[in-house]
Every structure is written in C-alpha cells, then in structure tokens.
Protein backbone atom coordinates (compact mmCIF):
# COMPACT_ATOMS: atom_id res chain seq x y z
CA MET A 1 0.52 -26.02 37.11
CA LYS A 2 -1.93 -27.19 34.43
CA ILE A 3 -4.21 -24.23 35.16
CA HIS A 4 -1.27 -21.88 34.64
CA GLN A 5 -0.42 -23.49 31.29
CA LEU A 6 -4.07 -23.32 30.23
CA ALA A 7 -4.26 -19.64 31.17
CA VAL A 8 -1.10 -18.85 29.22
CA ALA A 9 -2.44 -20.75 26.18
CA CYS A 10 -5.75 -18.84 26.34
CA ILE A 11 -3.99 -15.49 26.57
CA ALA A 12 -1.78 -16.39 23.62
CA ALA A 13 -4.80 -17.45 21.55
CA LEU A 14 -6.66 -14.23 22.35
CA THR A 15 -3.61 -12.14 21.47
CA ILE A 16 -3.24 -13.88 18.11
CA ALA A 17 -6.96 -13.45 17.36
CA ALA A 18 -6.86 -9.74 18.27
CA THR A 19 -3.77 -9.21 16.12
CA ALA A 20 -5.39 -10.93 13.14
CA ALA A 21 -8.57 -8.90 13.53
CA SER A 22 -6.71 -5.59 13.68
CA ALA A 23 -4.47 -6.57 10.78
CA GLN A 24 -7.51 -6.99 8.54
CA GLN A 25 -9.01 -3.59 9.38
CA ALA A 26 -9.49 -1.47 6.26
CA LEU A 27 -7.31 1.63 6.14
CA LYS A 28 -7.72 4.69 3.95
CA GLY A 29 -5.08 6.92 2.50
CA SER A 30 -3.50 8.57 -0.48
CA ILE A 31 -0.52 7.22 -2.43
CA THR A 32 2.47 9.54 -2.23
CA LYS A 33 5.10 7.37 -3.89
CA VAL A 34 5.21 4.25 -6.05
CA ASP A 35 8.62 2.49 -5.87
CA GLU A 36 8.27 -0.43 -8.25
CA ALA A 37 12.02 -1.17 -8.21
CA ASN A 38 11.89 -1.95 -4.46
CA GLY A 39 8.36 -3.37 -4.47
CA LYS A 40 7.00 -0.67 -2.16
CA ILE A 41 4.26 1.93 -2.06
CA THR A 42 4.20 4.90 0.32
CA ILE A 43 0.74 5.81 1.56
CA GLN A 44 -0.25 8.94 3.49
CA LEU A 45 -2.75 7.49 5.95
CA ALA A 46 -5.99 9.37 6.58
CA PRO A 47 -6.23 10.55 10.18
CA ALA A 48 -8.28 8.21 12.33
CA GLY A 49 -10.76 9.36 14.92
CA THR A 50 -13.67 11.70 15.09
CA VAL A 51 -14.43 14.55 12.75
CA GLY A 52 -12.40 17.58 13.75
CA ALA A 53 -9.85 15.57 15.68
CA SER A 54 -6.39 17.02 15.51
CA GLY A 55 -3.49 14.87 14.49
CA ALA A 56 -1.20 14.74 11.54
CA ALA A 57 -1.57 12.00 8.99
CA THR A 58 1.49 9.81 8.71
CA ALA A 59 3.08 8.32 5.62
CA GLU A 60 4.11 4.68 5.74
CA ASP A 61 5.91 2.35 3.34
CA PHE A 62 4.21 -0.92 2.47
CA LYS A 63 5.44 -3.90 0.48
CA VAL A 64 3.15 -5.14 -2.27
CA GLN A 65 2.12 -8.79 -2.57
CA ASP A 66 0.89 -8.50 -6.16
CA GLY A 67 3.42 -6.84 -8.48
CA LEU A 68 0.70 -6.18 -11.06
CA MET A 69 -0.71 -3.61 -8.63
CA PHE A 70 1.98 -1.14 -9.75
CA ASN A 71 0.47 -0.87 -13.24
CA ALA A 72 -2.76 0.66 -11.92
CA LEU A 73 -1.38 3.05 -9.29
CA GLN A 74 0.14 6.49 -9.29
CA SER A 75 0.88 9.24 -6.78
CA GLY A 76 -2.24 11.05 -5.63
CA ASP A 77 -4.59 8.06 -5.93
CA LYS A 78 -6.97 7.69 -2.98
CA VAL A 79 -7.11 4.08 -1.78
CA THR A 80 -8.71 1.76 0.76
CA PHE A 81 -6.50 -1.17 1.73
CA THR A 82 -5.74 -3.89 4.22
CA ALA A 83 -2.25 -4.76 5.34
CA GLU A 84 -0.60 -7.25 7.62
CA THR A 85 2.91 -7.96 8.77
CA ILE A 86 4.46 -10.71 6.65
CA ASN A 87 8.05 -11.75 7.33
CA GLY A 88 8.53 -8.61 9.41
CA ALA A 89 7.35 -6.16 6.72
CA LYS A 90 4.03 -4.33 6.46
CA THR A 91 2.50 -5.81 3.32
CA ILE A 92 -0.63 -4.76 1.43
CA THR A 93 -2.90 -7.76 1.02
CA LYS A 94 -5.85 -6.00 -0.62
CA LEU A 95 -6.13 -2.58 -2.25
CA GLU A 96 -8.94 -0.71 -3.98
CA LYS A 97 -8.89 2.72 -5.57
CA ASP A 98 -11.57 5.07 -4.20
C-alpha cells in the first residue's frame, strides 16, 4: 500500500512540474483588443509548429495582473508573453512588445 501511495505522489509531483513548465513557456501573438474596463486583453496567437504548417491562429482572452500594462498597449501590437492559470483564469504574468 505504501508503494502505491508513493507512486501516486510521484505522478502528482511530475504532473505539477510539467504544468508549471508549460505555463511559463513564452508565447507570441498580436493584440486584437484591449478591454481595460474588464481587465482583459485579447491576443491572436501566432501559429505554433514548423514553417509552412497549416493551422489557423486562435484569439484568446487573457486577464492582466498589472493594470499599468494597459497604458502601453494597443490593438495591432506584436507581443511575447507568458501566462498561467490563476484562480481559473488565463492571466498574463509577463509581457514584452516585439
């Protein structure tokens, strides 16, 4: 029984580590909408994969941790950012204009 509990604990730890690593991966995209009233930014994500890969870019809404970020952003800006899920919402934790 102890081996089973240890195995479950190891799997849980690996899952948490993998989630944290993927959450910190830098993403690239273009801002399509700045909604300061709701504390959100919509970003059209750049397609991932190899050059020439087919696949439509998707737009996603992200909450913003730092409200001052709104002052420097506008639609059309190209950005590189990291995001993670905080309290059930995708939240930008770091953002840089390209």
